[in-house]
């Protein structure tokens, strides 16, 4: 067995892909992330070669495909003060 074809479990999958288990699950259901391999009744894993191919296929953030955020711009959800609706 080639080292790239070994099965990796969840902690290593998370370290390789840098996405949460929920994001991986959604990607699997949408067909945009490698499918898991059932190893037993209560265990799953992923083929390392498929994970590495997925990582290689991801777009790299550059100044061409991203927009800078204005200095001092507020990001995230607005927080309401007490008494506001």
N, C-alpha and C. Protein backbone atom coordinates (compact mmCIF):
# COMPACT_ATOMS: atom_id res chain seq x y z
N UNK A 1 0.85 -1.19 0.00
CA UNK A 1 0.00 0.00 0.00
C UNK A 1 0.88 1.24 0.00
N UNK A 2 0.58 2.15 -0.89
CA UNK A 2 1.30 3.41 -1.00
C UNK A 2 0.97 4.28 0.22
N UNK A 3 1.93 5.05 0.70
CA UNK A 3 1.71 5.90 1.88
C UNK A 3 0.61 6.93 1.62
N UNK A 4 0.43 7.34 0.36
CA UNK A 4 -0.62 8.32 0.03
C UNK A 4 -2.00 7.68 0.01
N UNK A 5 -2.08 6.35 0.02
CA UNK A 5 -3.36 5.67 -0.01
C UNK A 5 -3.79 5.17 1.37
N UNK A 6 -3.09 5.57 2.39
CA UNK A 6 -3.48 5.12 3.72
C UNK A 6 -4.72 5.87 4.18
N UNK A 7 -5.39 5.33 5.17
CA UNK A 7 -6.62 5.91 5.70
C UNK A 7 -6.26 6.80 6.89
N UNK A 8 -6.82 8.00 6.92
CA UNK A 8 -6.60 8.92 8.04
C UNK A 8 -7.91 9.09 8.79
N UNK A 9 -7.80 9.27 10.08
CA UNK A 9 -8.98 9.43 10.94
C UNK A 9 -9.26 10.92 11.13
N UNK A 10 -10.33 11.24 11.85
CA UNK A 10 -10.82 12.61 11.98
C UNK A 10 -9.78 13.63 12.46
N UNK A 11 -9.02 13.37 13.53
CA UNK A 11 -8.07 14.41 13.97
C UNK A 11 -7.04 14.77 12.89
N UNK A 12 -6.55 13.77 12.18
CA UNK A 12 -5.58 14.05 11.12
C UNK A 12 -6.26 14.69 9.91
N UNK A 13 -7.51 14.30 9.60
CA UNK A 13 -8.26 14.93 8.52
C UNK A 13 -8.45 16.41 8.77
N UNK A 14 -8.77 16.74 10.01
CA UNK A 14 -8.97 18.14 10.37
C UNK A 14 -7.66 18.92 10.23
N UNK A 15 -6.57 18.31 10.62
CA UNK A 15 -5.26 18.98 10.52
C UNK A 15 -4.86 19.18 9.05
N UNK A 16 -5.16 18.23 8.19
CA UNK A 16 -4.79 18.33 6.78
C UNK A 16 -5.65 19.36 6.05
N UNK A 17 -6.96 19.34 6.29
CA UNK A 17 -7.88 20.17 5.52
C UNK A 17 -8.21 21.51 6.17
N UNK A 18 -8.03 21.61 7.47
CA UNK A 18 -8.33 22.85 8.22
C UNK A 18 -9.81 23.25 8.13
N UNK A 19 -10.70 22.27 8.03
CA UNK A 19 -12.12 22.57 8.08
C UNK A 19 -12.77 21.74 9.18
N UNK A 20 -13.88 22.23 9.68
CA UNK A 20 -14.57 21.56 10.78
C UNK A 20 -15.23 20.27 10.31
N UNK A 21 -15.58 19.39 11.25
CA UNK A 21 -16.31 18.18 10.88
C UNK A 21 -17.63 18.50 10.18
N UNK A 22 -18.33 19.54 10.62
CA UNK A 22 -19.60 19.90 10.00
C UNK A 22 -19.39 20.36 8.55
N UNK A 23 -18.34 21.14 8.30
CA UNK A 23 -18.06 21.59 6.94
C UNK A 23 -17.68 20.42 6.04
N UNK A 24 -16.92 19.48 6.59
CA UNK A 24 -16.55 18.29 5.82
C UNK A 24 -17.79 17.47 5.48
N UNK A 25 -18.69 17.32 6.44
CA UNK A 25 -19.92 16.56 6.22
C UNK A 25 -20.78 17.22 5.14
N UNK A 26 -20.94 18.55 5.22
CA UNK A 26 -21.71 19.27 4.21
C UNK A 26 -21.08 19.13 2.83
N UNK A 27 -19.74 19.21 2.78
CA UNK A 27 -19.04 19.05 1.51
C UNK A 27 -19.21 17.65 0.93
N UNK A 28 -19.20 16.65 1.79
CA UNK A 28 -19.43 15.28 1.33
C UNK A 28 -20.82 15.16 0.72
N UNK A 29 -21.82 15.70 1.39
CA UNK A 29 -23.20 15.61 0.91
C UNK A 29 -23.37 16.38 -0.40
N UNK A 30 -22.65 17.49 -0.56
CA UNK A 30 -22.74 18.30 -1.78
C UNK A 30 -21.85 17.76 -2.91
N UNK A 31 -20.98 16.80 -2.58
CA UNK A 31 -20.09 16.24 -3.59
C UNK A 31 -18.85 17.07 -3.84
N UNK A 32 -18.54 17.99 -2.92
CA UNK A 32 -17.37 18.86 -3.10
C UNK A 32 -16.21 18.48 -2.18
N UNK A 33 -16.36 17.41 -1.41
CA UNK A 33 -15.33 16.96 -0.48
C UNK A 33 -15.26 15.44 -0.58
N UNK A 34 -14.09 14.84 -0.40
CA UNK A 34 -13.97 13.38 -0.51
C UNK A 34 -14.90 12.64 0.45
N UNK A 35 -15.45 11.54 -0.03
CA UNK A 35 -16.34 10.72 0.78
C UNK A 35 -15.54 9.94 1.81
N UNK A 36 -16.16 9.74 2.96
CA UNK A 36 -15.52 8.95 4.00
C UNK A 36 -15.59 7.47 3.66
N UNK A 37 -14.69 6.70 4.26
CA UNK A 37 -14.63 5.25 4.09
C UNK A 37 -15.02 4.63 5.41
N UNK A 38 -16.01 3.74 5.40
CA UNK A 38 -16.43 3.08 6.63
C UNK A 38 -15.40 2.01 6.98
N UNK A 39 -14.85 2.10 8.20
CA UNK A 39 -13.83 1.17 8.66
C UNK A 39 -14.41 0.08 9.56
N UNK A 40 -15.50 0.39 10.18
CA UNK A 40 -16.14 -0.56 11.08
C UNK A 40 -17.52 -0.03 11.42
N UNK A 41 -18.12 -0.64 12.42
CA UNK A 41 -19.47 -0.23 12.80
C UNK A 41 -19.52 1.21 13.29
N UNK A 42 -18.49 1.64 14.01
CA UNK A 42 -18.49 2.98 14.59
C UNK A 42 -17.26 3.79 14.22
N UNK A 43 -16.64 3.50 13.10
CA UNK A 43 -15.45 4.26 12.73
C UNK A 43 -15.40 4.51 11.23
N UNK A 44 -14.88 5.68 10.90
CA UNK A 44 -14.72 6.08 9.50
C UNK A 44 -13.35 6.72 9.32
N UNK A 45 -12.95 6.86 8.07
CA UNK A 45 -11.70 7.54 7.75
C UNK A 45 -11.78 8.06 6.33
N UNK A 46 -10.73 8.69 5.88
CA UNK A 46 -10.65 9.22 4.53
C UNK A 46 -9.34 8.76 3.90
N UNK A 47 -9.35 8.59 2.57
CA UNK A 47 -8.11 8.24 1.87
C UNK A 47 -7.24 9.48 1.84
N UNK A 48 -6.00 9.34 2.27
CA UNK A 48 -5.08 10.46 2.31
C UNK A 48 -4.89 11.06 0.93
N UNK A 49 -4.80 10.22 -0.10
CA UNK A 49 -4.58 10.72 -1.46
C UNK A 49 -5.73 11.62 -1.91
N UNK A 50 -6.98 11.27 -1.54
CA UNK A 50 -8.14 12.08 -1.91
C UNK A 50 -8.15 13.41 -1.16
N UNK A 51 -7.76 13.38 0.12
CA UNK A 51 -7.70 14.62 0.89
C UNK A 51 -6.64 15.57 0.33
N UNK A 52 -5.48 15.02 -0.01
CA UNK A 52 -4.40 15.85 -0.56
C UNK A 52 -4.79 16.43 -1.91
N UNK A 53 -5.51 15.65 -2.73
CA UNK A 53 -5.97 16.16 -4.02
C UNK A 53 -6.99 17.28 -3.79
N UNK A 54 -7.86 17.14 -2.79
CA UNK A 54 -8.84 18.18 -2.48
C UNK A 54 -8.13 19.47 -2.05
N UNK A 55 -7.13 19.34 -1.19
CA UNK A 55 -6.37 20.51 -0.73
C UNK A 55 -5.69 21.19 -1.92
N UNK A 56 -5.10 20.42 -2.80
CA UNK A 56 -4.43 20.99 -3.98
C UNK A 56 -5.40 21.69 -4.91
N UNK A 57 -6.66 21.27 -4.91
CA UNK A 57 -7.64 21.87 -5.81
C UNK A 57 -8.22 23.18 -5.30
N UNK A 58 -7.98 23.50 -4.04
CA UNK A 58 -8.54 24.70 -3.44
C UNK A 58 -7.86 25.93 -4.02
N UNK A 59 -8.63 27.01 -4.20
CA UNK A 59 -8.10 28.26 -4.73
C UNK A 59 -7.25 28.95 -3.67
N UNK A 60 -6.13 29.48 -4.07
CA UNK A 60 -5.24 30.18 -3.15
C UNK A 60 -5.64 31.65 -3.11
N UNK A 61 -5.75 32.21 -1.92
CA UNK A 61 -6.13 33.63 -1.77
C UNK A 61 -4.97 34.51 -2.24
N UNK A 62 -5.27 35.41 -3.16
CA UNK A 62 -4.28 36.36 -3.66
C UNK A 62 -4.91 37.75 -3.67
N UNK A 63 -4.12 38.75 -3.99
CA UNK A 63 -4.67 40.10 -4.07
C UNK A 63 -5.61 40.25 -5.26
N UNK A 64 -5.53 39.34 -6.22
CA UNK A 64 -6.40 39.40 -7.39
C UNK A 64 -7.81 38.92 -7.06
N UNK A 65 -7.94 37.87 -6.24
CA UNK A 65 -9.26 37.31 -5.99
C UNK A 65 -9.82 37.65 -4.60
N UNK A 66 -9.25 38.62 -3.92
CA UNK A 66 -9.78 39.06 -2.63
C UNK A 66 -9.87 40.58 -2.61
N UNK A 67 -10.73 41.10 -1.75
CA UNK A 67 -10.87 42.54 -1.61
C UNK A 67 -10.31 42.94 -0.24
N UNK A 68 -9.53 44.03 -0.19
CA UNK A 68 -9.05 44.48 1.11
C UNK A 68 -10.19 45.07 1.93
N UNK A 69 -10.09 44.96 3.23
CA UNK A 69 -11.09 45.54 4.13
C UNK A 69 -10.60 46.92 4.52
N UNK A 70 -11.50 47.87 4.48
CA UNK A 70 -11.13 49.24 4.82
C UNK A 70 -10.64 49.31 6.26
N UNK A 71 -9.60 50.10 6.54
CA UNK A 71 -9.12 50.22 7.91
C UNK A 71 -10.24 50.71 8.82
N UNK A 72 -10.38 50.07 9.95
CA UNK A 72 -11.40 50.45 10.92
C UNK A 72 -12.79 49.92 10.61
N UNK A 73 -12.94 49.18 9.51
CA UNK A 73 -14.26 48.64 9.16
C UNK A 73 -14.67 47.60 10.19
N UNK A 74 -15.93 47.62 10.52
CA UNK A 74 -16.44 46.64 11.48
C UNK A 74 -16.85 45.40 10.71
N UNK A 75 -16.49 44.25 11.26
CA UNK A 75 -16.83 42.98 10.64
C UNK A 75 -17.68 42.16 11.59
N UNK A 76 -18.44 41.26 11.06
CA UNK A 76 -19.24 40.36 11.88
C UNK A 76 -20.64 40.89 12.11
N UNK A 77 -21.35 40.24 13.01
CA UNK A 77 -22.72 40.61 13.29
C UNK A 77 -22.79 41.85 14.15
N UNK A 78 -23.85 42.61 13.93
CA UNK A 78 -24.06 43.80 14.76
C UNK A 78 -24.58 43.34 16.11
N UNK A 79 -24.05 43.90 17.15
CA UNK A 79 -24.53 43.58 18.50
C UNK A 79 -25.48 44.66 18.94
N UNK A 80 -26.62 44.24 19.45
CA UNK A 80 -27.63 45.17 19.91
C UNK A 80 -27.37 45.53 21.37
N UNK A 81 -27.59 46.77 21.70
CA UNK A 81 -27.48 47.22 23.07
C UNK A 81 -28.75 46.84 23.82
N UNK A 82 -28.66 46.78 25.10
CA UNK A 82 -29.83 46.45 25.91
C UNK A 82 -30.92 47.47 25.66
N UNK A 83 -32.14 47.02 25.45
CA UNK A 83 -33.26 47.92 25.20
C UNK A 83 -33.52 48.20 23.74
N UNK A 84 -32.57 47.86 22.84
CA UNK A 84 -32.77 48.08 21.41
C UNK A 84 -33.54 46.90 20.83
N UNK A 85 -34.24 47.17 19.78
CA UNK A 85 -34.96 46.10 19.10
C UNK A 85 -34.41 45.88 17.75
